[in-house]
């Protein structure tokens, strides 16, 4: 169980870092084929749409996560965390996110993500 929590904590950090770095390649490795993303404005993106959005580059800076809580339920995990970042206008924002992960064929993949607060 501890190894899975450590793995998921690392994957969670990779997810946040990949948003900031517009790292489509890393997302291609960690997102499930049926991944869905809910943006704070209520829009829903499938995997291809999310990768396209990420590929357009970060819309913020100084993106960082804290208050990370990994909840493990066998081959399924829920990660709750707080996100902090600075908008292009230089305004600091705080939001929250919830990511769902599933172990598929021995590998943890993000199956859904939901953010609240200002648009990331």
N, C-alpha and C. Protein backbone atom coordinates (compact mmCIF):
# COMPACT_ATOMS: atom_id res chain seq x y z
N UNK A 1 0.83 -1.20 0.00
CA UNK A 1 0.00 0.00 0.00
C UNK A 1 0.87 1.26 0.00
N UNK A 2 1.91 1.30 0.81
CA UNK A 2 2.77 2.48 0.89
C UNK A 2 3.45 2.75 -0.45
N UNK A 3 3.87 1.68 -1.12
CA UNK A 3 4.52 1.84 -2.44
C UNK A 3 3.55 2.48 -3.44
N UNK A 4 2.28 2.04 -3.42
CA UNK A 4 1.28 2.62 -4.31
C UNK A 4 1.05 4.10 -3.99
N UNK A 5 1.01 4.44 -2.72
CA UNK A 5 0.81 5.84 -2.33
C UNK A 5 2.00 6.69 -2.79
N UNK A 6 3.20 6.17 -2.66
CA UNK A 6 4.39 6.89 -3.13
C UNK A 6 4.34 7.06 -4.65
N UNK A 7 3.98 6.00 -5.36
CA UNK A 7 3.88 6.07 -6.82
C UNK A 7 2.84 7.10 -7.24
N UNK A 8 1.67 7.07 -6.61
CA UNK A 8 0.60 8.00 -6.94
C UNK A 8 0.97 9.44 -6.59
N UNK A 9 1.70 9.63 -5.51
CA UNK A 9 2.16 10.97 -5.13
C UNK A 9 3.09 11.51 -6.20
N UNK A 10 3.98 10.67 -6.70
CA UNK A 10 4.89 11.07 -7.77
C UNK A 10 4.12 11.37 -9.05
N UNK A 11 3.17 10.51 -9.40
CA UNK A 11 2.36 10.73 -10.60
C UNK A 11 1.55 12.02 -10.49
N UNK A 12 1.04 12.29 -9.31
CA UNK A 12 0.29 13.52 -9.08
C UNK A 12 1.19 14.73 -9.34
N UNK A 13 2.41 14.70 -8.82
CA UNK A 13 3.35 15.80 -9.05
C UNK A 13 3.68 15.92 -10.55
N UNK A 14 3.86 14.78 -11.20
CA UNK A 14 4.12 14.79 -12.65
C UNK A 14 2.97 15.45 -13.41
N UNK A 15 1.75 15.15 -12.99
CA UNK A 15 0.56 15.73 -13.64
C UNK A 15 0.62 17.26 -13.55
N UNK A 16 0.84 17.77 -12.35
CA UNK A 16 0.89 19.23 -12.15
C UNK A 16 2.06 19.84 -12.93
N UNK A 17 3.22 19.21 -12.84
CA UNK A 17 4.40 19.70 -13.55
C UNK A 17 4.16 19.69 -15.06
N UNK A 18 3.45 18.69 -15.54
CA UNK A 18 3.18 18.57 -16.97
C UNK A 18 2.19 19.61 -17.46
N UNK A 19 1.26 20.04 -16.60
CA UNK A 19 0.38 21.15 -16.96
C UNK A 19 1.23 22.40 -17.15
N UNK A 20 2.07 22.69 -16.17
CA UNK A 20 2.90 23.90 -16.23
C UNK A 20 3.86 23.86 -17.42
N UNK A 21 4.42 22.70 -17.71
CA UNK A 21 5.39 22.57 -18.78
C UNK A 21 4.81 22.21 -20.13
N UNK A 22 3.48 22.14 -20.22
CA UNK A 22 2.81 21.76 -21.47
C UNK A 22 3.41 20.47 -22.04
N UNK A 23 3.61 19.50 -21.16
CA UNK A 23 4.30 18.25 -21.51
C UNK A 23 3.30 17.20 -22.01
N UNK A 24 2.92 17.31 -23.26
CA UNK A 24 1.97 16.39 -23.87
C UNK A 24 2.51 14.97 -23.85
N UNK A 25 3.80 14.81 -24.06
CA UNK A 25 4.41 13.47 -24.06
C UNK A 25 4.21 12.77 -22.72
N UNK A 26 4.43 13.47 -21.63
CA UNK A 26 4.25 12.84 -20.31
C UNK A 26 2.77 12.50 -20.08
N UNK A 27 1.89 13.42 -20.47
CA UNK A 27 0.47 13.12 -20.32
C UNK A 27 0.06 11.91 -21.15
N UNK A 28 0.64 11.76 -22.32
CA UNK A 28 0.33 10.61 -23.16
C UNK A 28 0.67 9.31 -22.43
N UNK A 29 1.66 9.36 -21.56
CA UNK A 29 2.09 8.17 -20.80
C UNK A 29 1.20 7.88 -19.59
N UNK A 30 0.62 8.93 -18.97
CA UNK A 30 -0.07 8.73 -17.69
C UNK A 30 -1.59 8.85 -17.76
N UNK A 31 -2.13 9.21 -18.92
CA UNK A 31 -3.59 9.32 -19.03
C UNK A 31 -4.18 8.06 -19.64
N UNK A 32 -5.28 7.60 -19.07
CA UNK A 32 -6.01 6.46 -19.63
C UNK A 32 -6.61 6.86 -20.97
N UNK A 33 -6.86 5.90 -21.82
CA UNK A 33 -7.45 6.17 -23.14
C UNK A 33 -8.85 6.79 -23.01
N UNK A 34 -9.56 6.48 -21.92
CA UNK A 34 -10.90 7.01 -21.70
C UNK A 34 -10.92 8.18 -20.72
N UNK A 35 -9.78 8.85 -20.53
CA UNK A 35 -9.64 9.99 -19.63
C UNK A 35 -10.63 11.10 -19.96
N UNK A 36 -11.18 11.73 -18.92
CA UNK A 36 -12.04 12.90 -19.05
C UNK A 36 -11.57 13.98 -18.08
N UNK A 37 -11.64 15.23 -18.52
CA UNK A 37 -11.22 16.37 -17.71
C UNK A 37 -12.35 17.39 -17.63
N UNK A 38 -12.68 17.79 -16.40
CA UNK A 38 -13.68 18.84 -16.18
C UNK A 38 -12.96 20.11 -15.78
N UNK A 39 -13.13 21.14 -16.58
CA UNK A 39 -12.52 22.44 -16.34
C UNK A 39 -13.39 23.23 -15.36
N UNK A 40 -12.83 24.23 -14.67
CA UNK A 40 -13.62 25.01 -13.72
C UNK A 40 -14.85 25.68 -14.34
N UNK A 41 -14.82 25.96 -15.64
CA UNK A 41 -15.98 26.59 -16.28
C UNK A 41 -17.08 25.59 -16.62
N UNK A 42 -16.86 24.32 -16.27
CA UNK A 42 -17.86 23.29 -16.51
C UNK A 42 -17.68 22.55 -17.81
N UNK A 43 -16.73 22.97 -18.62
CA UNK A 43 -16.50 22.27 -19.89
C UNK A 43 -15.84 20.92 -19.63
N UNK A 44 -16.18 19.96 -20.49
CA UNK A 44 -15.68 18.60 -20.36
C UNK A 44 -14.82 18.27 -21.58
N UNK A 45 -13.61 17.80 -21.34
CA UNK A 45 -12.67 17.46 -22.41
C UNK A 45 -12.40 15.96 -22.39
N UNK A 46 -12.37 15.34 -23.56
CA UNK A 46 -11.90 13.97 -23.62
C UNK A 46 -10.37 14.00 -23.69
N UNK A 47 -9.77 12.85 -23.78
CA UNK A 47 -8.30 12.76 -23.76
C UNK A 47 -7.66 13.58 -24.87
N UNK A 48 -8.14 13.41 -26.10
CA UNK A 48 -7.55 14.12 -27.25
C UNK A 48 -7.71 15.64 -27.10
N UNK A 49 -8.87 16.07 -26.65
CA UNK A 49 -9.11 17.50 -26.45
C UNK A 49 -8.22 18.06 -25.35
N UNK A 50 -8.03 17.29 -24.28
CA UNK A 50 -7.18 17.72 -23.18
C UNK A 50 -5.72 17.84 -23.65
N UNK A 51 -5.25 16.85 -24.39
CA UNK A 51 -3.87 16.89 -24.90
C UNK A 51 -3.69 18.09 -25.83
N UNK A 52 -4.68 18.39 -26.63
CA UNK A 52 -4.63 19.57 -27.51
C UNK A 52 -4.55 20.84 -26.67
N UNK A 53 -5.37 20.93 -25.63
CA UNK A 53 -5.37 22.09 -24.73
C UNK A 53 -4.00 22.26 -24.07
N UNK A 54 -3.44 21.18 -23.56
CA UNK A 54 -2.13 21.23 -22.91
C UNK A 54 -1.06 21.66 -23.92
N UNK A 55 -1.15 21.15 -25.13
CA UNK A 55 -0.16 21.46 -26.16
C UNK A 55 -0.12 22.93 -26.55
N UNK A 56 -1.15 23.68 -26.20
CA UNK A 56 -1.18 25.11 -26.52
C UNK A 56 -0.34 25.93 -25.54
N UNK A 57 0.18 25.29 -24.50
CA UNK A 57 1.04 26.00 -23.55
C UNK A 57 0.31 26.42 -22.29
N UNK A 58 1.09 26.62 -21.25
CA UNK A 58 0.55 27.00 -19.94
C UNK A 58 -0.09 28.38 -20.00
N UNK A 59 -1.20 28.51 -19.31
CA UNK A 59 -1.89 29.80 -19.22
C UNK A 59 -1.67 30.45 -17.87
N UNK A 60 -0.66 29.95 -17.14
CA UNK A 60 -0.36 30.46 -15.81
C UNK A 60 1.12 30.21 -15.52
N UNK A 61 1.55 30.63 -14.35
CA UNK A 61 2.93 30.37 -13.94
C UNK A 61 2.94 30.01 -12.46
N UNK A 62 4.07 29.53 -12.02
CA UNK A 62 4.28 29.18 -10.60
C UNK A 62 3.25 28.17 -10.09
N UNK A 63 2.86 27.26 -10.94
CA UNK A 63 1.87 26.25 -10.59
C UNK A 63 2.48 25.27 -9.59
N UNK A 64 1.79 25.04 -8.48
CA UNK A 64 2.29 24.12 -7.46
C UNK A 64 1.10 23.53 -6.69
N UNK A 65 1.32 22.32 -6.22
CA UNK A 65 0.29 21.63 -5.46
C UNK A 65 0.73 21.49 -4.00
N UNK A 66 -0.24 21.42 -3.11
CA UNK A 66 0.03 21.10 -1.71
C UNK A 66 -1.24 20.50 -1.11
N UNK A 67 -1.19 20.18 0.14
CA UNK A 67 -2.32 19.53 0.83
C UNK A 67 -2.79 18.30 0.05
N UNK A 68 -1.84 17.53 -0.44
CA UNK A 68 -2.15 16.34 -1.25
C UNK A 68 -2.62 15.21 -0.35
N UNK A 69 -3.76 14.64 -0.69
CA UNK A 69 -4.34 13.54 0.06
C UNK A 69 -4.64 12.40 -0.92
N UNK A 70 -3.88 11.32 -0.81
CA UNK A 70 -4.06 10.15 -1.67
C UNK A 70 -4.91 9.14 -0.91
N UNK A 71 -6.05 8.77 -1.49
CA UNK A 71 -6.94 7.76 -0.90
C UNK A 71 -6.92 6.54 -1.81
N UNK A 72 -6.51 5.43 -1.26
CA UNK A 72 -6.33 4.21 -2.04
C UNK A 72 -7.43 3.21 -1.74
N UNK A 73 -8.03 2.67 -2.80
CA UNK A 73 -9.11 1.68 -2.69
C UNK A 73 -8.78 0.51 -3.61
N UNK A 74 -7.77 -0.25 -3.26
CA UNK A 74 -7.35 -1.37 -4.10
C UNK A 74 -6.70 -0.87 -5.38
N UNK A 75 -7.34 -1.15 -6.51
CA UNK A 75 -6.82 -0.73 -7.82
C UNK A 75 -7.39 0.61 -8.28
N UNK A 76 -7.94 1.37 -7.35
CA UNK A 76 -8.50 2.68 -7.65
C UNK A 76 -8.04 3.66 -6.58
N UNK A 77 -7.75 4.88 -6.99
CA UNK A 77 -7.30 5.90 -6.04
C UNK A 77 -7.91 7.25 -6.40
N UNK A 78 -8.15 8.03 -5.36
CA UNK A 78 -8.63 9.40 -5.52
C UNK A 78 -7.60 10.31 -4.88
N UNK A 79 -7.20 11.34 -5.60
CA UNK A 79 -6.26 12.31 -5.06
C UNK A 79 -6.96 13.66 -4.98
N UNK A 80 -6.96 14.23 -3.77
CA UNK A 80 -7.49 15.57 -3.54
C UNK A 80 -6.30 16.46 -3.20
N UNK A 81 -6.29 17.68 -3.72
CA UNK A 81 -5.19 18.58 -3.41
C UNK A 81 -5.59 20.03 -3.66
N UNK A 82 -4.77 20.90 -3.13
CA UNK A 82 -4.93 22.33 -3.40
C UNK A 82 -3.91 22.71 -4.46
N UNK A 83 -4.30 23.64 -5.31
CA UNK A 83 -3.40 24.13 -6.36
C UNK A 83 -3.27 25.64 -6.20
N UNK A 84 -2.05 26.11 -6.41
CA UNK A 84 -1.79 27.54 -6.36
C UNK A 84 -1.03 27.93 -7.63
N UNK A 85 -1.32 29.10 -8.16
CA UNK A 85 -0.65 29.54 -9.38
C UNK A 85 -0.86 31.03 -9.55
N UNK A 86 -0.12 31.59 -10.47
CA UNK A 86 -0.21 33.01 -10.81
C UNK A 86 -0.73 33.12 -12.25
N UNK A 87 -1.76 33.94 -12.44
CA UNK A 87 -2.31 34.14 -13.78
C UNK A 87 -1.33 34.96 -14.62
N UNK A 88 -1.58 35.01 -15.92
CA UNK A 88 -0.72 35.82 -16.80
C UNK A 88 -0.76 37.29 -16.40
N UNK A 89 -1.84 37.71 -15.76
CA UNK A 89 -1.94 39.09 -15.28
C UNK A 89 -1.19 39.30 -13.96
N UNK A 90 -0.62 38.20 -13.43
CA UNK A 90 0.16 38.30 -12.20
C UNK A 90 -0.64 38.12 -10.92
N UNK A 91 -1.90 37.74 -11.04
CA UNK A 91 -2.76 37.57 -9.88
C UNK A 91 -2.63 36.15 -9.35
N UNK A 92 -2.44 36.02 -8.03
CA UNK A 92 -2.35 34.69 -7.41
C UNK A 92 -3.73 34.09 -7.26
N UNK A 93 -3.83 32.80 -7.55
CA UNK A 93 -5.08 32.06 -7.43
C UNK A 93 -4.86 30.79 -6.63
N UNK A 94 -5.91 30.37 -5.97
CA UNK A 94 -5.90 29.10 -5.24
C UNK A 94 -7.16 28.34 -5.66
N UNK A 95 -6.99 27.07 -5.95
CA UNK A 95 -8.11 26.23 -6.30
C UNK A 95 -7.91 24.85 -5.71
N UNK A 96 -8.76 23.94 -6.09
CA UNK A 96 -8.64 22.56 -5.65
C UNK A 96 -8.82 21.65 -6.86
N UNK A 97 -8.33 20.44 -6.73
CA UNK A 97 -8.56 19.47 -7.78
C UNK A 97 -8.73 18.09 -7.19
N UNK A 98 -9.41 17.25 -7.94
CA UNK A 98 -9.61 15.85 -7.61
C UNK A 98 -9.28 15.05 -8.87
N UNK A 99 -8.34 14.13 -8.73
CA UNK A 99 -7.96 13.25 -9.84
C UNK A 99 -8.25 11.81 -9.45
N UNK A 100 -8.76 11.04 -10.37
CA UNK A 100 -9.05 9.63 -10.15
C UNK A 100 -8.07 8.80 -10.96
N UNK A 101 -7.50 7.80 -10.31
CA UNK A 101 -6.49 6.94 -10.92
C UNK A 101 -6.94 5.49 -10.81
N UNK A 102 -6.67 4.72 -11.84
CA UNK A 102 -6.98 3.29 -11.83
C UNK A 102 -5.74 2.51 -12.24
N UNK A 103 -5.52 1.39 -11.57
CA UNK A 103 -4.42 0.51 -11.96
C UNK A 103 -4.95 -0.40 -13.06
N UNK A 104 -4.34 -0.29 -14.23
CA UNK A 104 -4.74 -1.09 -15.38
C UNK A 104 -3.50 -1.80 -15.92
N UNK A 105 -3.61 -3.10 -16.02
CA UNK A 105 -2.48 -3.92 -16.48
C UNK A 105 -1.22 -3.61 -15.69
N UNK A 106 -1.39 -3.41 -14.38
CA UNK A 106 -0.25 -3.18 -13.48
C UNK A 106 0.29 -1.77 -13.47
N UNK A 107 -0.34 -0.85 -14.20
CA UNK A 107 0.16 0.53 -14.30
C UNK A 107 -0.93 1.51 -13.86
N UNK A 108 -0.55 2.50 -13.04
CA UNK A 108 -1.50 3.53 -12.62
C UNK A 108 -1.70 4.54 -13.75
N UNK A 109 -2.98 4.78 -14.11
CA UNK A 109 -3.34 5.74 -15.14
C UNK A 109 -4.42 6.68 -14.60
N UNK A 110 -4.33 7.94 -14.97
CA UNK A 110 -5.35 8.91 -14.57
C UNK A 110 -6.55 8.72 -15.48
N UNK A 111 -7.73 8.49 -14.86
CA UNK A 111 -8.93 8.26 -15.64
C UNK A 111 -9.83 9.49 -15.68
N UNK A 112 -9.68 10.38 -14.68
CA UNK A 112 -10.46 11.63 -14.72
C UNK A 112 -9.81 12.66 -13.82
N UNK A 113 -10.07 13.91 -14.15
CA UNK A 113 -9.55 15.03 -13.38
C UNK A 113 -10.60 16.13 -13.36
N UNK A 114 -10.70 16.80 -12.24
CA UNK A 114 -11.66 17.90 -12.07
C UNK A 114 -10.99 19.01 -11.30
N UNK A 115 -11.04 20.23 -11.79
CA UNK A 115 -10.46 21.36 -11.10
C UNK A 115 -11.54 22.38 -10.75
N UNK A 116 -11.30 23.09 -9.65
CA UNK A 116 -12.18 24.19 -9.27
C UNK A 116 -11.33 25.43 -9.05
N UNK A 117 -11.95 26.57 -9.09
CA UNK A 117 -11.22 27.82 -8.99
C UNK A 117 -11.18 28.46 -10.36
N UNK A 118 -10.19 29.29 -10.59
CA UNK A 118 -10.03 29.96 -11.88
C UNK A 118 -9.54 28.96 -12.93
N UNK A 119 -9.83 29.24 -14.18
CA UNK A 119 -9.40 28.40 -15.29
C UNK A 119 -7.88 28.26 -15.31
N UNK A 120 -7.40 27.02 -15.34
CA UNK A 120 -5.97 26.77 -15.39
C UNK A 120 -5.51 26.82 -16.82
